[in-house]
């Protein structure tokens, strides 16, 4: 094994001293500061990411690749978390997930004394 140092990179002199960073220019820019570039419309548009007040509460995830056993998971923000393996159990979980929509405490408002 050789203990020779590696050759320097192409086009760069080999030095062991650190170089000082180039300083930014202290001169002021000419002209008045501008809010936006010329020719750019500055009309305020509605935010495309604001929602309509709806948000997901329950998720049903089904995986059924051709030729394999289907699986499914049903999760809800209320804490419900169920899973199924096999065609008959997945179909039953789909029905159970649909029925949970009507019974979920996050989707149904409380009425009467329990609301207070």
PDB file of N, CA and C in Angstrom:
ATOM      1  N   UNK A   1       0.817  -1.179   0.000  1.00  0.00           N
ATOM      2  CA  UNK A   1       0.000   0.000   0.000  1.00  0.00           C
ATOM      3  C   UNK A   1       0.863   1.245   0.000  1.00  0.00           C
ATOM      4  N   UNK A   2       0.474   2.213  -0.768  1.00  0.00           N
ATOM      5  CA  UNK A   2       1.233   3.439  -0.882  1.00  0.00           C
ATOM      6  C   UNK A   2       0.685   4.486   0.077  1.00  0.00           C
ATOM      7  N   UNK A   3       1.544   5.305   0.651  1.00  0.00           N
ATOM      8  CA  UNK A   3       1.122   6.375   1.558  1.00  0.00           C
ATOM      9  C   UNK A   3       1.184   7.725   0.870  1.00  0.00           C
ATOM     10  N   UNK A   4       1.216   7.714  -0.450  1.00  0.00           N
ATOM     11  CA  UNK A   4       1.239   8.964  -1.209  1.00  0.00           C
ATOM     12  C   UNK A   4      -0.063   9.726  -1.013  1.00  0.00           C
ATOM     13  N   UNK A   5      -0.022  11.056  -0.941  1.00  0.00           N
ATOM     14  CA  UNK A   5      -1.266  11.825  -0.856  1.00  0.00           C
ATOM     15  C   UNK A   5      -2.008  11.760  -2.186  1.00  0.00           C
ATOM     16  N   UNK A   6      -3.307  11.914  -2.129  1.00  0.00           N
ATOM     17  CA  UNK A   6      -4.111  11.900  -3.341  1.00  0.00           C
ATOM     18  C   UNK A   6      -3.795  13.118  -4.195  1.00  0.00           C
ATOM     19  N   UNK A   7      -3.868  12.997  -5.516  1.00  0.00           N
ATOM     20  CA  UNK A   7      -3.597  14.159  -6.372  1.00  0.00           C
ATOM     21  C   UNK A   7      -4.693  15.208  -6.173  1.00  0.00           C
ATOM     22  N   UNK A   8      -4.380  16.485  -6.332  1.00  0.00           N
ATOM     23  CA  UNK A   8      -5.378  17.547  -6.137  1.00  0.00           C
ATOM     24  C   UNK A   8      -6.470  17.451  -7.201  1.00  0.00           C
ATOM     25  N   UNK A   9      -7.632  18.007  -6.870  1.00  0.00           N
ATOM     26  CA  UNK A   9      -8.724  18.040  -7.833  1.00  0.00           C
ATOM     27  C   UNK A   9      -8.342  18.900  -9.011  1.00  0.00           C
ATOM     28  N   UNK A  10      -8.908  18.619 -10.164  1.00  0.00           N
ATOM     29  CA  UNK A  10      -8.587  19.356 -11.370  1.00  0.00           C
ATOM     30  C   UNK A  10      -8.936  20.824 -11.243  1.00  0.00           C
ATOM     31  N   UNK A  11      -8.038  21.689 -11.651  1.00  0.00           N
ATOM     32  CA  UNK A  11      -8.315  23.112 -11.730  1.00  0.00           C
ATOM     33  C   UNK A  11      -8.304  23.834 -10.396  1.00  0.00           C
ATOM     34  N   UNK A  12      -8.022  23.146  -9.319  1.00  0.00           N
ATOM     35  CA  UNK A  12      -8.014  23.797  -8.001  1.00  0.00           C
ATOM     36  C   UNK A  12      -6.625  23.650  -7.405  1.00  0.00           C
ATOM     37  N   UNK A  13      -6.054  24.770  -6.970  1.00  0.00           N
ATOM     38  CA  UNK A  13      -4.741  24.661  -6.335  1.00  0.00           C
ATOM     39  C   UNK A  13      -4.870  23.990  -4.965  1.00  0.00           C
ATOM     40  N   UNK A  14      -3.860  23.278  -4.595  1.00  0.00           N
ATOM     41  CA  UNK A  14      -3.895  22.566  -3.319  1.00  0.00           C
ATOM     42  C   UNK A  14      -3.264  23.465  -2.254  1.00  0.00           C
ATOM     43  N   UNK A  15      -4.098  23.881  -1.289  1.00  0.00           N
ATOM     44  CA  UNK A  15      -3.598  24.686  -0.173  1.00  0.00           C
ATOM     45  C   UNK A  15      -4.203  24.145   1.105  1.00  0.00           C
ATOM     46  N   UNK A  16      -3.555  24.419   2.190  1.00  0.00           N
ATOM     47  CA  UNK A  16      -4.053  23.988   3.480  1.00  0.00           C
ATOM     48  C   UNK A  16      -4.655  25.148   4.265  1.00  0.00           C
ATOM     49  N   UNK A  17      -4.591  26.363   3.694  1.00  0.00           N
ATOM     50  CA  UNK A  17      -5.108  27.536   4.384  1.00  0.00           C
ATOM     51  C   UNK A  17      -6.568  27.754   3.995  1.00  0.00           C
ATOM     52  N   UNK A  18      -7.419  28.132   4.974  1.00  0.00           N
ATOM     53  CA  UNK A  18      -8.810  28.462   4.628  1.00  0.00           C
ATOM     54  C   UNK A  18      -8.867  29.824   3.941  1.00  0.00           C
ATOM     55  N   UNK A  19      -9.797  29.967   3.032  1.00  0.00           N
ATOM     56  CA  UNK A  19      -9.966  31.217   2.305  1.00  0.00           C
ATOM     57  C   UNK A  19     -11.029  32.048   2.992  1.00  0.00           C
ATOM     58  N   UNK A  20     -10.847  33.347   2.964  1.00  0.00           N
ATOM     59  CA  UNK A  20     -11.847  34.252   3.532  1.00  0.00           C
ATOM     60  C   UNK A  20     -13.027  34.333   2.571  1.00  0.00           C
ATOM     61  N   UNK A  21     -14.229  34.390   3.142  1.00  0.00           N
ATOM     62  CA  UNK A  21     -15.429  34.500   2.311  1.00  0.00           C
ATOM     63  C   UNK A  21     -15.504  35.885   1.706  1.00  0.00           C
ATOM     64  N   UNK A  22     -16.055  35.970   0.509  1.00  0.00           N
ATOM     65  CA  UNK A  22     -16.190  37.248  -0.162  1.00  0.00           C
ATOM     66  C   UNK A  22     -17.294  38.043   0.520  1.00  0.00           C
ATOM     67  N   UNK A  23     -17.029  39.308   0.823  1.00  0.00           N
ATOM     68  CA  UNK A  23     -17.965  40.158   1.547  1.00  0.00           C
ATOM     69  C   UNK A  23     -19.037  40.692   0.608  1.00  0.00           C
ATOM     70  N   UNK A  24     -20.243  40.877   1.164  1.00  0.00           N
ATOM     71  CA  UNK A  24     -21.348  41.424   0.380  1.00  0.00           C
ATOM     72  C   UNK A  24     -21.095  42.899   0.109  1.00  0.00           C
ATOM     73  N   UNK A  25     -21.689  43.388  -0.932  1.00  0.00           N
ATOM     74  CA  UNK A  25     -21.533  44.775  -1.340  1.00  0.00           C
ATOM     75  C   UNK A  25     -22.302  45.680  -0.373  1.00  0.00           C
ATOM     76  N   UNK A  26     -21.673  46.766   0.106  1.00  0.00           N
ATOM     77  CA  UNK A  26     -22.314  47.685   1.038  1.00  0.00           C
ATOM     78  C   UNK A  26     -23.017  48.838   0.340  1.00  0.00           C
ATOM     79  N   UNK A  27     -22.959  48.919  -0.975  1.00  0.00           N
ATOM     80  CA  UNK A  27     -23.556  50.033  -1.702  1.00  0.00           C
ATOM     81  C   UNK A  27     -25.073  49.884  -1.733  1.00  0.00           C
ATOM     82  N   UNK A  28     -25.769  51.012  -1.637  1.00  0.00           N
ATOM     83  CA  UNK A  28     -27.230  51.011  -1.691  1.00  0.00           C
ATOM     84  C   UNK A  28     -27.687  50.861  -3.136  1.00  0.00           C
ATOM     85  N   UNK A  29     -28.830  50.213  -3.322  1.00  0.00           N
ATOM     86  CA  UNK A  29     -29.386  50.041  -4.662  1.00  0.00           C
ATOM     87  C   UNK A  29     -29.989  51.358  -5.129  1.00  0.00           C
ATOM     88  N   UNK A  30     -29.969  51.590  -6.407  1.00  0.00           N
ATOM     89  CA  UNK A  30     -30.522  52.818  -6.964  1.00  0.00           C
ATOM     90  C   UNK A  30     -32.022  52.691  -7.171  1.00  0.00           C
ATOM     91  N   UNK A  31     -32.763  53.779  -7.026  1.00  0.00           N
ATOM     92  CA  UNK A  31     -34.203  53.771  -7.266  1.00  0.00           C
ATOM     93  C   UNK A  31     -34.981  53.447  -6.003  1.00  0.00           C
ATOM     94  N   UNK A  32     -36.288  53.642  -6.086  1.00  0.00           N
ATOM     95  CA  UNK A  32     -37.158  53.399  -4.940  1.00  0.00           C
ATOM     96  C   UNK A  32     -37.461  51.909  -4.821  1.00  0.00           C
ATOM     97  N   UNK A  33     -37.641  51.416  -3.616  1.00  0.00           N
ATOM     98  CA  UNK A  33     -37.988  49.999  -3.465  1.00  0.00           C
ATOM     99  C   UNK A  33     -39.374  49.731  -4.024  1.00  0.00           C
ATOM    100  N   UNK A  34     -39.544  48.563  -4.612  1.00  0.00           N
ATOM    101  CA  UNK A  34     -40.816  48.198  -5.230  1.00  0.00           C
ATOM    102  C   UNK A  34     -41.443  47.064  -4.443  1.00  0.00           C
ATOM    103  N   UNK A  35     -42.770  47.063  -4.356  1.00  0.00           N
ATOM    104  CA  UNK A  35     -43.484  46.008  -3.655  1.00  0.00           C
ATOM    105  C   UNK A  35     -43.490  44.717  -4.443  1.00  0.00           C
ATOM    106  N   UNK A  36     -43.722  44.824  -5.746  1.00  0.00           N
ATOM    107  CA  UNK A  36     -43.734  43.649  -6.616  1.00  0.00           C
ATOM    108  C   UNK A  36     -43.024  44.011  -7.912  1.00  0.00           C
ATOM    109  N   UNK A  37     -42.716  43.014  -8.674  1.00  0.00           N
ATOM    110  CA  UNK A  37     -42.073  43.249  -9.959  1.00  0.00           C
ATOM    111  C   UNK A  37     -43.061  43.887 -10.922  1.00  0.00           C
ATOM    112  N   UNK A  38     -42.548  44.663 -11.837  1.00  0.00           N
ATOM    113  CA  UNK A  38     -43.419  45.312 -12.816  1.00  0.00           C
ATOM    114  C   UNK A  38     -44.089  44.279 -13.700  1.00  0.00           C
ATOM    115  N   UNK A  39     -45.350  44.500 -13.996  1.00  0.00           N
ATOM    116  CA  UNK A  39     -46.083  43.620 -14.880  1.00  0.00           C
ATOM    117  C   UNK A  39     -46.692  42.417 -14.181  1.00  0.00           C
ATOM    118  N   UNK A  40     -46.479  42.266 -12.871  1.00  0.00           N
ATOM    119  CA  UNK A  40     -47.031  41.144 -12.131  1.00  0.00           C
ATOM    120  C   UNK A  40     -48.325  41.582 -11.463  1.00  0.00           C
ATOM    121  N   UNK A  41     -49.384  40.824 -11.687  1.00  0.00           N
ATOM    122  CA  UNK A  41     -50.658  41.154 -11.066  1.00  0.00           C
ATOM    123  C   UNK A  41     -50.570  40.922  -9.563  1.00  0.00           C
ATOM    124  N   UNK A  42     -51.172  41.825  -8.814  1.00  0.00           N
ATOM    125  CA  UNK A  42     -51.088  41.700  -7.364  1.00  0.00           C
ATOM    126  C   UNK A  42     -52.469  41.547  -6.729  1.00  0.00           C
ATOM    127  N   UNK A  43     -53.439  41.092  -7.494  1.00  0.00           N
ATOM    128  CA  UNK A  43     -54.777  40.885  -6.949  1.00  0.00           C
ATOM    129  C   UNK A  43     -54.746  39.733  -5.953  1.00  0.00           C
ATOM    130  N   UNK A  44     -55.448  39.903  -4.849  1.00  0.00           N
ATOM    131  CA  UNK A  44     -55.502  38.861  -3.836  1.00  0.00           C
ATOM    132  C   UNK A  44     -56.538  37.832  -4.262  1.00  0.00           C
ATOM    133  N   UNK A  45     -56.100  36.579  -4.340  1.00  0.00           N
ATOM    134  CA  UNK A  45     -56.989  35.501  -4.744  1.00  0.00           C
ATOM    135  C   UNK A  45     -57.284  34.631  -3.540  1.00  0.00           C
ATOM    136  N   UNK A  46     -58.391  33.915  -3.543  1.00  0.00           N
ATOM    137  CA  UNK A  46     -58.684  33.045  -2.402  1.00  0.00           C
ATOM    138  C   UNK A  46     -57.662  31.922  -2.305  1.00  0.00           C
ATOM    139  N   UNK A  47     -57.380  31.517  -1.070  1.00  0.00           N
ATOM    140  CA  UNK A  47     -56.424  30.455  -0.828  1.00  0.00           C
ATOM    141  C   UNK A  47     -57.007  29.133  -1.323  1.00  0.00           C
ATOM    142  N   UNK A  48     -56.355  28.446  -2.273  1.00  0.00           N
ATOM    143  CA  UNK A  48     -56.911  27.199  -2.792  1.00  0.00           C
ATOM    144  C   UNK A  48     -56.851  26.054  -1.785  1.00  0.00           C
ATOM    145  N   UNK A  49     -56.122  26.226  -0.678  1.00  0.00           N
ATOM    146  CA  UNK A  49     -55.967  25.149   0.285  1.00  0.00           C
ATOM    147  C   UNK A  49     -56.961  25.213   1.442  1.00  0.00           C
ATOM    148  N   UNK A  50     -57.775  26.249   1.494  1.00  0.00           N
ATOM    149  CA  UNK A  50     -58.751  26.301   2.575  1.00  0.00           C
ATOM    150  C   UNK A  50     -59.873  25.328   2.273  1.00  0.00           C
ATOM    151  N   UNK A  51     -60.332  24.655   3.303  1.00  0.00           N
ATOM    152  CA  UNK A  51     -61.361  23.638   3.118  1.00  0.00           C
ATOM    153  C   UNK A  51     -62.756  24.229   3.246  1.00  0.00           C
ATOM    154  N   UNK A  52     -63.729  23.369   3.093  1.00  0.00           N
ATOM    155  CA  UNK A  52     -65.121  23.783   3.198  1.00  0.00           C
ATOM    156  C   UNK A  52     -65.702  23.404   4.556  1.00  0.00           C
ATOM    157  N   UNK A  53     -64.836  23.111   5.519  1.00  0.00           N
ATOM    158  CA  UNK A  53     -65.295  22.768   6.844  1.00  0.00           C
ATOM    159  C   UNK A  53     -65.410  21.274   7.080  1.00  0.00           C
ATOM    160  N   UNK A  54     -65.324  20.492   6.039  1.00  0.00           N
ATOM    161  CA  UNK A  54     -65.400  19.039   6.191  1.00  0.00           C
ATOM    162  C   UNK A  54     -63.997  18.467   6.375  1.00  0.00           C
ATOM    163  N   UNK A  55     -63.905  17.364   7.094  1.00  0.00           N
ATOM    164  CA  UNK A  55     -62.635  16.677   7.266  1.00  0.00           C
ATOM    165  C   UNK A  55     -62.915  15.197   7.478  1.00  0.00           C
ATOM    166  N   UNK A  56     -61.980  14.328   7.127  1.00  0.00           N
ATOM    167  CA  UNK A  56     -62.224  12.888   7.256  1.00  0.00           C
ATOM    168  C   UNK A  56     -62.237  12.457   8.719  1.00  0.00           C
ATOM    169  N   UNK A  57     -63.140  11.548   9.040  1.00  0.00           N
ATOM    170  CA  UNK A  57     -63.259  11.015  10.391  1.00  0.00           C
ATOM    171  C   UNK A  57     -62.967   9.520  10.389  1.00  0.00           C
ATOM    172  N   UNK A  58     -63.418   8.817   9.357  1.00  0.00           N
ATOM    173  CA  UNK A  58     -63.250   7.363   9.291  1.00  0.00           C
ATOM    174  C   UNK A  58     -62.618   6.973   7.959  1.00  0.00           C
ATOM    175  N   UNK A  59     -61.795   5.911   8.004  1.00  0.00           N
ATOM    176  CA  UNK A  59     -61.106   5.447   6.809  1.00  0.00           C
ATOM    177  C   UNK A  59     -61.329   3.951   6.651  1.00  0.00           C
ATOM    178  N   UNK A  60     -61.611   3.546   5.428  1.00  0.00           N
ATOM    179  CA  UNK A  60     -61.751   2.128   5.096  1.00  0.00           C
ATOM    180  C   UNK A  60     -60.725   1.835   4.003  1.00  0.00           C
ATOM    181  N   UNK A  61     -59.778   0.955   4.307  1.00  0.00           N
ATOM    182  CA  UNK A  61     -58.703   0.635   3.361  1.00  0.00           C
ATOM    183  C   UNK A  61     -58.824  -0.833   2.979  1.00  0.00           C
ATOM    184  N   UNK A  62     -59.041  -1.093   1.682  1.00  0.00           N
ATOM    185  CA  UNK A  62     -59.229  -2.454   1.189  1.00  0.00           C
ATOM    186  C   UNK A  62     -58.117  -2.769   0.200  1.00  0.00           C
ATOM    187  N   UNK A  63     -57.479  -3.928   0.374  1.00  0.00           N
ATOM    188  CA  UNK A  63     -56.449  -4.396  -0.547  1.00  0.00           C
ATOM    189  C   UNK A  63     -56.905  -5.752  -1.057  1.00  0.00           C
ATOM    190  N   UNK A  64     -57.103  -5.828  -2.379  1.00  0.00           N
ATOM    191  CA  UNK A  64     -57.574  -7.078  -2.977  1.00  0.00           C
ATOM    192  C   UNK A  64     -56.876  -7.319  -4.308  1.00  0.00           C
ATOM    193  N   UNK A  65     -55.570  -7.622  -4.278  1.00  0.00           N
ATOM    194  CA  UNK A  65     -54.884  -7.922  -5.526  1.00  0.00           C
ATOM    195  C   UNK A  65     -55.402  -9.223  -6.143  1.00  0.00           C
ATOM    196  N   UNK A  66     -55.352  -9.295  -7.444  1.00  0.00           N
ATOM    197  CA  UNK A  66     -55.851 -10.471  -8.161  1.00  0.00           C
ATOM    198  C   UNK A  66     -55.077 -11.720  -7.753  1.00  0.00           C
ATOM    199  N   UNK A  67     -55.821 -12.742  -7.386  1.00  0.00           N
ATOM    200  CA  UNK A  67     -55.206 -14.015  -7.069  1.00  0.00           C
ATOM    201  C   UNK A  67     -54.715 -14.161  -5.641  1.00  0.00           C
ATOM    202  N   UNK A  68     -54.935 -13.170  -4.770  1.00  0.00           N
ATOM    203  CA  UNK A  68     -54.495 -13.290  -3.380  1.00  0.00           C
ATOM    204  C   UNK A  68     -55.667 -13.042  -2.435  1.00  0.00           C
ATOM    205  N   UNK A  69     -55.446 -13.244  -1.172  1.00  0.00           N
ATOM    206  CA  UNK A  69     -56.487 -13.076  -0.156  1.00  0.00           C
ATOM    207  C   UNK A  69     -56.691 -11.583   0.110  1.00  0.00           C
ATOM    208  N   UNK A  70     -57.927 -11.081   0.028  1.00  0.00           N
ATOM    209  CA  UNK A  70     -58.166  -9.660   0.303  1.00  0.00           C
ATOM    210  C   UNK A  70     -58.059  -9.354   1.791  1.00  0.00           C
ATOM    211  N   UNK A  71     -57.623  -8.123   2.092  1.00  0.00           N
ATOM    212  CA  UNK A  71     -57.555  -7.646   3.467  1.00  0.00           C
ATOM    213  C   UNK A  71     -58.182  -6.263   3.528  1.00  0.00           C
ATOM    214  N   UNK A  72     -58.629  -5.870   4.728  1.00  0.00           N
ATOM    215  CA  UNK A  72     -59.228  -4.547   4.894  1.00  0.00           C
ATOM    216  C   UNK A  72     -59.006  -4.071   6.320  1.00  0.00           C
ATOM    217  N   UNK A  73     -58.905  -2.751   6.478  1.00  0.00           N
ATOM    218  CA  UNK A  73     -58.847  -2.132   7.794  1.00  0.00           C
ATOM    219  C   UNK A  73     -59.852  -0.997   7.837  1.00  0.00           C
ATOM    220  N   UNK A  74     -60.486  -0.847   8.978  1.00  0.00           N
ATOM    221  CA  UNK A  74     -61.458   0.216   9.204  1.00  0.00           C
ATOM    222  C   UNK A  74     -61.013   0.977  10.436  1.00  0.00           C
ATOM    223  N   UNK A  75     -60.704   2.261  10.267  1.00  0.00           N
ATOM    224  CA  UNK A  75     -60.237   3.089  11.378  1.00  0.00           C
ATOM    225  C   UNK A  75     -61.106   4.325  11.470  1.00  0.00           C
ATOM    226  N   UNK A  76     -61.303   4.788  12.706  1.00  0.00           N
ATOM    227  CA  UNK A  76     -62.111   5.983  12.933  1.00  0.00           C
ATOM    228  C   UNK A  76     -61.384   6.859  13.952  1.00  0.00           C
ATOM    229  N   UNK A  77     -61.598   8.154  13.869  1.00  0.00           N
ATOM    230  CA  UNK A  77     -60.967   9.080  14.791  1.00  0.00           C
ATOM    231  C   UNK A  77     -61.490   8.911  16.210  1.00  0.00           C
ATOM    232  N   UNK A  78     -62.609   8.228  16.391  1.00  0.00           N
ATOM    233  CA  UNK A  78     -63.160   7.985  17.728  1.00  0.00           C
ATOM    234  C   UNK A  78     -62.393   6.891  18.461  1.00  0.00           C
ATOM    235  N   UNK A  79     -61.483   6.192  17.782  1.00  0.00           N
ATOM    236  CA  UNK A  79     -60.679   5.147  18.406  1.00  0.00           C
ATOM    237  C   UNK A  79     -60.958   3.754  17.872  1.00  0.00           C
ATOM    238  N   UNK A  80     -61.949   3.612  17.041  1.00  0.00           N
ATOM    239  CA  UNK A  80     -62.308   2.311  16.474  1.00  0.00           C
ATOM    240  C   UNK A  80     -61.231   1.892  15.470  1.00  0.00           C
ATOM    241  N   UNK A  81     -60.762   0.646  15.596  1.00  0.00           N
ATOM    242  CA  UNK A  81     -59.728   0.131  14.700  1.00  0.00           C
ATOM    243  C   UNK A  81     -59.979  -1.364  14.519  1.00  0.00           C
ATOM    244  N   UNK A  82     -60.476  -1.739  13.344  1.00  0.00           N
ATOM    245  CA  UNK A  82     -60.803  -3.141  13.063  1.00  0.00           C
ATOM    246  C   UNK A  82     -60.104  -3.561  11.777  1.00  0.00           C
ATOM    247  N   UNK A  83     -59.859  -4.871  11.647  1.00  0.00           N
ATOM    248  CA  UNK A  83     -59.263  -5.394  10.421  1.00  0.00           C
ATOM    249  C   UNK A  83     -59.888  -6.740  10.093  1.00  0.00           C
ATOM    250  N   UNK A  84     -59.758  -7.132   8.821  1.00  0.00           N
ATOM    251  CA  UNK A  84     -60.334  -8.401   8.364  1.00  0.00           C
ATOM    252  C   UNK A  84     -59.450  -8.996   7.281  1.00  0.00           C
ATOM    253  N   UNK A  85     -59.409 -10.330   7.253  1.00  0.00           N
ATOM    254  CA  UNK A  85     -58.659 -11.069   6.236  1.00  0.00           C
ATOM    255  C   UNK A  85     -59.598 -12.107   5.650  1.00  0.00           C
ATOM    256  N   UNK A  86     -59.658 -12.168   4.333  1.00  0.00           N
ATOM    257  CA  UNK A  86     -60.531 -13.116   3.643  1.00  0.00           C
ATOM    258  C   UNK A  86     -61.763 -12.418   3.084  1.00  0.00           C
ATOM    259  N   UNK A  87     -62.283 -12.976   2.002  1.00  0.00           N
ATOM    260  CA  UNK A  87     -63.372 -12.328   1.268  1.00  0.00           C
ATOM    261  C   UNK A  87     -64.613 -12.113   2.134  1.00  0.00           C
ATOM    262  N   UNK A  88     -65.069 -13.136   2.818  1.00  0.00           N
ATOM    263  CA  UNK A  88     -66.298 -13.021   3.623  1.00  0.00           C
ATOM    264  C   UNK A  88     -66.121 -12.026   4.766  1.00  0.00           C
ATOM    265  N   UNK A  89     -64.977 -12.064   5.435  1.00  0.00           N
ATOM    266  CA  UNK A  89     -64.744 -11.139   6.548  1.00  0.00           C
ATOM    267  C   UNK A  89     -64.560  -9.704   6.071  1.00  0.00           C
ATOM    268  N   UNK A  90     -63.937  -9.508   4.913  1.00  0.00           N
ATOM    269  CA  UNK A  90     -63.787  -8.157   4.367  1.00  0.00           C
ATOM    270  C   UNK A  90     -65.158  -7.582   4.023  1.00  0.00           C
ATOM    271  N   UNK A  91     -66.022  -8.392   3.398  1.00  0.00           N
ATOM    272  CA  UNK A  91     -67.373  -7.912   3.082  1.00  0.00           C
ATOM    273  C   UNK A  91     -68.142  -7.566   4.358  1.00  0.00           C
ATOM    274  N   UNK A  92     -67.963  -8.352   5.416  1.00  0.00           N
ATOM    275  CA  UNK A  92     -68.627  -8.051   6.691  1.00  0.00           C
ATOM    276  C   UNK A  92     -68.067  -6.766   7.306  1.00  0.00           C
ATOM    277  N   UNK A  93     -66.766  -6.543   7.179  1.00  0.00           N
ATOM    278  CA  UNK A  93     -66.163  -5.321   7.711  1.00  0.00           C
ATOM    279  C   UNK A  93     -66.652  -4.094   6.953  1.00  0.00           C
ATOM    280  N   UNK A  94     -66.850  -4.223   5.657  1.00  0.00           N
ATOM    281  CA  UNK A  94     -67.380  -3.106   4.865  1.00  0.00           C
ATOM    282  C   UNK A  94     -68.774  -2.730   5.386  1.00  0.00           C
ATOM    283  N   UNK A  95     -69.627  -3.738   5.638  1.00  0.00           N
ATOM    284  CA  UNK A  95     -70.954  -3.468   6.178  1.00  0.00           C
ATOM    285  C   UNK A  95     -70.865  -2.850   7.579  1.00  0.00           C
ATOM    286  N   UNK A  96     -69.959  -3.361   8.398  1.00  0.00           N
ATOM    287  CA  UNK A  96     -69.785  -2.835   9.750  1.00  0.00           C
ATOM    288  C   UNK A  96     -69.283  -1.393   9.723  1.00  0.00           C
ATOM    289  N   UNK A  97     -68.368  -1.081   8.817  1.00  0.00           N
ATOM    290  CA  UNK A  97     -67.840   0.283   8.672  1.00  0.00           C
ATOM    291  C   UNK A  97     -68.964   1.238   8.263  1.00  0.00           C
ATOM    292  N   UNK A  98     -69.804   0.788   7.329  1.00  0.00           N
ATOM    293  CA  UNK A  98     -70.933   1.613   6.883  1.00  0.00           C
ATOM    294  C   UNK A  98     -71.908   1.854   8.035  1.00  0.00           C
ATOM    295  N   UNK A  99     -72.170   0.833   8.838  1.00  0.00           N
ATOM    296  CA  UNK A  99     -73.079   0.977   9.979  1.00  0.00           C
ATOM    297  C   UNK A  99     -72.473   1.874  11.054  1.00  0.00           C
ATOM    298  N   UNK A 100     -71.170   1.871  11.194  1.00  0.00           N
ATOM    299  CA  UNK A 100     -70.510   2.701  12.209  1.00  0.00           C
ATOM    300  C   UNK A 100     -70.684   4.187  11.911  1.00  0.00           C
ATOM    301  N   UNK A 101     -70.841   4.545  10.665  1.00  0.00           N
ATOM    302  CA  UNK A 101     -71.042   5.954  10.322  1.00  0.00           C
ATOM    303  C   UNK A 101     -72.237   6.540  11.057  1.00  0.00           C
ATOM    304  N   UNK A 102     -73.308   5.753  11.198  1.00  0.00           N
ATOM    305  CA  UNK A 102     -74.503   6.245  11.884  1.00  0.00           C
ATOM    306  C   UNK A 102     -74.343   6.227  13.401  1.00  0.00           C
ATOM    307  N   UNK A 103     -73.476   5.381  13.936  1.00  0.00           N
ATOM    308  CA  UNK A 103     -73.344   5.237  15.384  1.00  0.00           C
ATOM    309  C   UNK A 103     -72.133   5.969  15.963  1.00  0.00           C
ATOM    310  N   UNK A 104     -71.247   6.483  15.140  1.00  0.00           N
ATOM    311  CA  UNK A 104     -70.021   7.115  15.623  1.00  0.00           C
ATOM    312  C   UNK A 104     -70.344   8.363  16.447  1.00  0.00           C
ATOM    313  N   UNK A 105     -69.771   8.500  17.637  1.00  0.00           N
ATOM    314  CA  UNK A 105     -70.038   9.678  18.460  1.00  0.00           C
ATOM    315  C   UNK A 105     -69.460  10.968  17.872  1.00  0.00           C
ATOM    316  N   UNK A 106     -68.507  10.868  16.977  1.00  0.00           N
ATOM    317  CA  UNK A 106     -67.947  12.075  16.358  1.00  0.00           C
ATOM    318  C   UNK A 106     -68.824  12.608  15.232  1.00  0.00           C
ATOM    319  N   UNK A 107     -69.661  11.766  14.665  1.00  0.00           N
ATOM    320  CA  UNK A 107     -70.511  12.188  13.551  1.00  0.00           C
ATOM    321  C   UNK A 107     -71.921  12.532  13.986  1.00  0.00           C
ATOM    322  N   UNK A 108     -72.382  11.959  15.083  1.00  0.00           N
ATOM    323  CA  UNK A 108     -73.752  12.214  15.523  1.00  0.00           C
ATOM    324  C   UNK A 108     -73.723  13.208  16.673  1.00  0.00           C
ATOM    325  N   UNK A 109     -74.463  14.303  16.572  1.00  0.00           N
ATOM    326  CA  UNK A 109     -74.484  15.280  17.648  1.00  0.00           C
ATOM    327  C   UNK A 109     -75.234  14.741  18.854  1.00  0.00           C
ATOM    328  N   UNK A 110     -74.769  15.089  20.032  1.00  0.00           N
ATOM    329  CA  UNK A 110     -75.442  14.673  21.250  1.00  0.00           C
ATOM    330  C   UNK A 110     -76.682  15.533  21.460  1.00  0.00           C
ATOM    331  N   UNK A 111     -77.756  14.928  21.934  1.00  0.00           N
ATOM    332  CA  UNK A 111     -78.992  15.673  22.108  1.00  0.00           C
ATOM    333  C   UNK A 111     -79.437  15.624  23.557  1.00  0.00           C
ATOM    334  N   UNK A 112     -80.245  16.585  23.925  1.00  0.00           N
ATOM    335  CA  UNK A 112     -80.877  16.579  25.239  1.00  0.00           C
ATOM    336  C   UNK A 112     -79.890  16.790  26.365  1.00  0.00           C
ATOM    337  N   UNK A 113     -80.061  16.042  27.462  1.00  0.00           N
ATOM    338  CA  UNK A 113     -79.255  16.217  28.657  1.00  0.00           C
ATOM    339  C   UNK A 113     -77.809  15.826  28.451  1.00  0.00           C
ATOM    340  N   UNK A 114     -77.522  14.866  27.601  1.00  0.00           N
ATOM    341  CA  UNK A 114     -76.144  14.402  27.421  1.00  0.00           C
ATOM    342  C   UNK A 114     -75.305  15.449  26.714  1.00  0.00           C
ATOM    343  N   UNK A 115     -75.914  16.386  26.011  1.00  0.00           N
ATOM    344  CA  UNK A 115     -75.171  17.417  25.316  1.00  0.00           C
ATOM    345  C   UNK A 115     -74.625  18.456  26.296  1.00  0.00           C
ATOM    346  N   UNK A 116     -75.293  18.665  27.406  1.00  0.00           N
ATOM    347  CA  UNK A 116     -74.865  19.669  28.378  1.00  0.00           C
ATOM    348  C   UNK A 116     -73.805  19.131  29.226  1.00  0.00           C
TER     349      UNK A 116
END
